[in-house]
C-alpha atoms as a PDB file:
ATOM      1  CA  MET A   1       0.901 -70.097  25.164  1.00  0.00           C
ATOM      2  CA  SER A   2      -1.963 -72.142  23.917  1.00  0.00           C
ATOM      3  CA  LYS A   3      -4.115 -70.956  21.117  1.00  0.00           C
ATOM      4  CA  LEU A   4      -7.854 -71.169  21.488  1.00  0.00           C
ATOM      5  CA  ASN A   5      -9.806 -72.119  18.425  1.00  0.00           C
ATOM      6  CA  SER A   6     -12.935 -70.053  18.657  1.00  0.00           C
ATOM      7  CA  GLU A   7     -15.478 -70.479  15.982  1.00  0.00           C
ATOM      8  CA  VAL A   8     -17.820 -67.663  15.081  1.00  0.00           C
ATOM      9  CA  ILE A   9     -21.435 -68.736  15.395  1.00  0.00           C
ATOM     10  CA  SER A  10     -23.851 -67.197  12.956  1.00  0.00           C
ATOM     11  CA  ARG A  11     -27.207 -65.818  14.031  1.00  0.00           C
ATOM     12  CA  ARG A  12     -28.940 -68.633  12.211  1.00  0.00           C
ATOM     13  CA  LYS A  13     -27.040 -71.276  14.185  1.00  0.00           C
ATOM     14  CA  ALA A  14     -27.574 -69.434  17.473  1.00  0.00           C
ATOM     15  CA  LEU A  15     -31.335 -69.199  16.911  1.00  0.00           C
ATOM     16  CA  SER A  16     -31.563 -72.841  15.895  1.00  0.00           C
ATOM     17  CA  LEU A  17     -29.713 -73.868  19.070  1.00  0.00           C
ATOM     18  CA  LEU A  18     -32.039 -71.689  21.135  1.00  0.00           C
ATOM     19  CA  GLY A  19     -35.057 -73.254  19.433  1.00  0.00           C
ATOM     20  CA  LEU A  20     -33.786 -76.777  20.078  1.00  0.00           C
ATOM     21  CA  ALA A  21     -33.129 -75.938  23.716  1.00  0.00           C
ATOM     22  CA  THR A  22     -36.659 -74.573  24.075  1.00  0.00           C
ATOM     23  CA  LEU A  23     -38.107 -77.625  22.382  1.00  0.00           C
ATOM     24  CA  GLY A  24     -36.075 -79.860  24.675  1.00  0.00           C
ATOM     25  CA  LEU A  25     -37.578 -78.134  27.723  1.00  0.00           C
ATOM     26  CA  THR A  26     -41.192 -78.159  26.563  1.00  0.00           C
ATOM     27  CA  VAL A  27     -41.454 -81.767  25.377  1.00  0.00           C
ATOM     28  CA  PRO A  28     -40.820 -83.356  28.800  1.00  0.00           C
ATOM     29  CA  THR A  29     -43.387 -81.089  30.489  1.00  0.00           C
ATOM     30  CA  THR A  30     -45.941 -82.024  27.845  1.00  0.00           C
ATOM     31  CA  VAL A  31     -45.320 -85.699  28.449  1.00  0.00           C
ATOM     32  CA  LEU A  32     -45.580 -85.235  32.210  1.00  0.00           C
ATOM     33  CA  THR A  33     -48.940 -83.439  32.048  1.00  0.00           C
ATOM     34  CA  VAL A  34     -50.771 -86.351  30.429  1.00  0.00           C
ATOM     35  CA  SER A  35     -53.328 -87.546  32.943  1.00  0.00           C
ATOM     36  CA  ASP A  36     -54.877 -90.967  33.458  1.00  0.00           C
ATOM     37  CA  ALA A  37     -58.031 -89.382  34.906  1.00  0.00           C
ATOM     38  CA  GLU A  38     -61.390 -90.730  33.861  1.00  0.00           C
ATOM     39  CA  ALA A  39     -64.647 -88.874  33.314  1.00  0.00           C
ATOM     40  CA  GLN A  40     -66.741 -88.173  36.384  1.00  0.00           C
ATOM     41  CA  GLN A  41     -69.991 -90.007  36.847  1.00  0.00           C
ATOM     42  CA  ALA A  42     -73.276 -88.117  37.149  1.00  0.00           C
ATOM     43  CA  ALA A  43     -74.301 -87.157  40.675  1.00  0.00           C
ATOM     44  CA  PRO A  44     -76.694 -89.708  42.200  1.00  0.00           C
ATOM     45  CA  GLY A  45     -79.218 -87.007  43.195  1.00  0.00           C
ATOM     46  CA  THR A  46     -79.863 -85.847  39.645  1.00  0.00           C
ATOM     47  CA  ALA A  47     -82.288 -87.665  37.419  1.00  0.00           C
ATOM     48  CA  PRO A  48     -80.625 -88.789  34.215  1.00  0.00           C
ATOM     49  CA  SER A  49     -82.334 -87.488  31.098  1.00  0.00           C
ATOM     50  CA  THR A  50     -83.047 -89.640  28.092  1.00  0.00           C
ATOM     51  CA  ALA A  51     -80.403 -87.882  25.999  1.00  0.00           C
ATOM     52  CA  PRO A  52     -77.894 -85.208  26.929  1.00  0.00           C
ATOM     53  CA  GLU A  53     -78.591 -81.771  25.515  1.00  0.00           C
ATOM     54  CA  THR A  54     -76.295 -80.497  22.867  1.00  0.00           C
ATOM     55  CA  GLY A  55     -74.714 -77.075  23.141  1.00  0.00           C
ATOM     56  CA  THR A  56     -77.189 -75.680  20.659  1.00  0.00           C
ATOM     57  CA  GLU A  57     -80.146 -76.952  22.691  1.00  0.00           C
ATOM     58  CA  ARG A  58     -78.765 -75.458  25.901  1.00  0.00           C
ATOM     59  CA  ARG A  59     -78.186 -72.151  24.139  1.00  0.00           C
ATOM     60  CA  GLN A  60     -81.712 -72.143  22.738  1.00  0.00           C
ATOM     61  CA  GLY A  61     -83.107 -72.826  26.206  1.00  0.00           C
ATOM     62  CA  ARG A  62     -81.174 -69.902  27.659  1.00  0.00           C
ATOM     63  CA  ARG A  63     -82.362 -67.618  24.872  1.00  0.00           C
ATOM     64  CA  THR A  64     -85.991 -68.670  25.379  1.00  0.00           C
ATOM     65  CA  GLY A  65     -85.729 -67.996  29.110  1.00  0.00           C
ATOM     66  CA  ARG A  66     -84.177 -64.577  28.547  1.00  0.00           C
ATOM     67  CA  THR A  67     -86.910 -63.665  26.065  1.00  0.00           C
ATOM     68  CA  ARG A  68     -89.666 -64.663  28.494  1.00  0.00           C
ATOM     69  CA  ARG A  69     -88.101 -62.691  31.345  1.00  0.00           C
ATOM     70  CA  ARG A  70     -87.624 -59.673  29.091  1.00  0.00           C
ATOM     71  CA  THR A  71     -91.250 -59.839  27.909  1.00  0.00           C
ATOM     72  CA  GLY A  72     -92.447 -59.984  31.527  1.00  0.00           C
ATOM     73  CA  ARG A  73     -90.391 -56.926  32.431  1.00  0.00           C
ATOM     74  CA  ARG A  74     -91.693 -55.015  29.416  1.00  0.00           C
ATOM     75  CA  GLU A  75     -95.310 -55.826  30.287  1.00  0.00           C
ATOM     76  CA  ALA A  76     -94.755 -54.727  33.890  1.00  0.00           C
ATOM     77  CA  ARG A  77     -93.227 -51.426  32.740  1.00  0.00           C
ATOM     78  CA  ARG A  78     -96.047 -50.835  30.265  1.00  0.00           C
ATOM     79  CA  LYS A  79     -98.682 -51.551  32.924  1.00  0.00           C
ATOM     80  CA  GLY A  80     -96.976 -49.226  35.391  1.00  0.00           C
ATOM     81  CA  ARG A  81     -96.782 -46.419  32.806  1.00  0.00           C
ATOM     82  CA  GLU A  82    -100.456 -46.839  31.976  1.00  0.00           C
ATOM     83  CA  GLU A  83    -101.427 -46.700  35.661  1.00  0.00           C
ATOM     84  CA  ARG A  84     -99.322 -43.602  36.269  1.00  0.00           C
ATOM     85  CA  GLY A  85    -100.791 -41.944  33.176  1.00  0.00           C
ATOM     86  CA  GLU A  86    -104.333 -42.587  34.404  1.00  0.00           C
ATOM     87  CA  LEU A  87    -103.440 -41.057  37.763  1.00  0.00           C
ATOM     88  CA  ARG A  88    -102.059 -37.935  36.066  1.00  0.00           C
ATOM     89  CA  ARG A  89    -105.163 -37.581  33.917  1.00  0.00           C
ATOM     90  CA  GLY A  90    -107.368 -38.016  36.941  1.00  0.00           C
ATOM     91  CA  GLY A  91    -109.023 -41.127  35.583  1.00  0.00           C
ATOM     92  CA  GLY A  92    -108.069 -43.350  38.478  1.00  0.00           C
ATOM     93  CA  ALA A  93    -108.104 -43.232  42.217  1.00  0.00           C
ATOM     94  CA  GLU A  94    -105.191 -41.387  43.714  1.00  0.00           C
ATOM     95  CA  LYS A  95    -102.835 -43.053  46.103  1.00  0.00           C
ATOM     96  CA  GLY A  96    -104.027 -43.143  49.670  1.00  0.00           C
ATOM     97  CA  SER A  97    -107.457 -41.686  48.891  1.00  0.00           C
ATOM     98  CA  VAL A  98    -110.712 -43.474  49.291  1.00  0.00           C
ATOM     99  CA  ASP A  99    -113.466 -43.080  46.688  1.00  0.00           C
ATOM    100  CA  LYS A 100    -116.594 -41.463  48.158  1.00  0.00           C
ATOM    101  CA  LYS A 101    -119.899 -42.176  46.506  1.00  0.00           C
END
């Protein structure tokens, strides 16, 4: 009978082999995903600005717009509350009624 020489592999060796195998599989996919694509040109229908906005400028513009919209909503709510309050107090004309003088 033939004797088989089996060598005991330690956990450290097994994990290092597993790591090398994983590395061997990921490196080729990384190399294959490199693209030769170029940046897209601006659409012809849009007017080019003098300088592109930075992220901070875009963010500030969004914040300013939100603040203006919020202020408009607040003013509309305040005006509506005032009108309803006048109707309850009897200071204004009621809905659907015509003032007789």
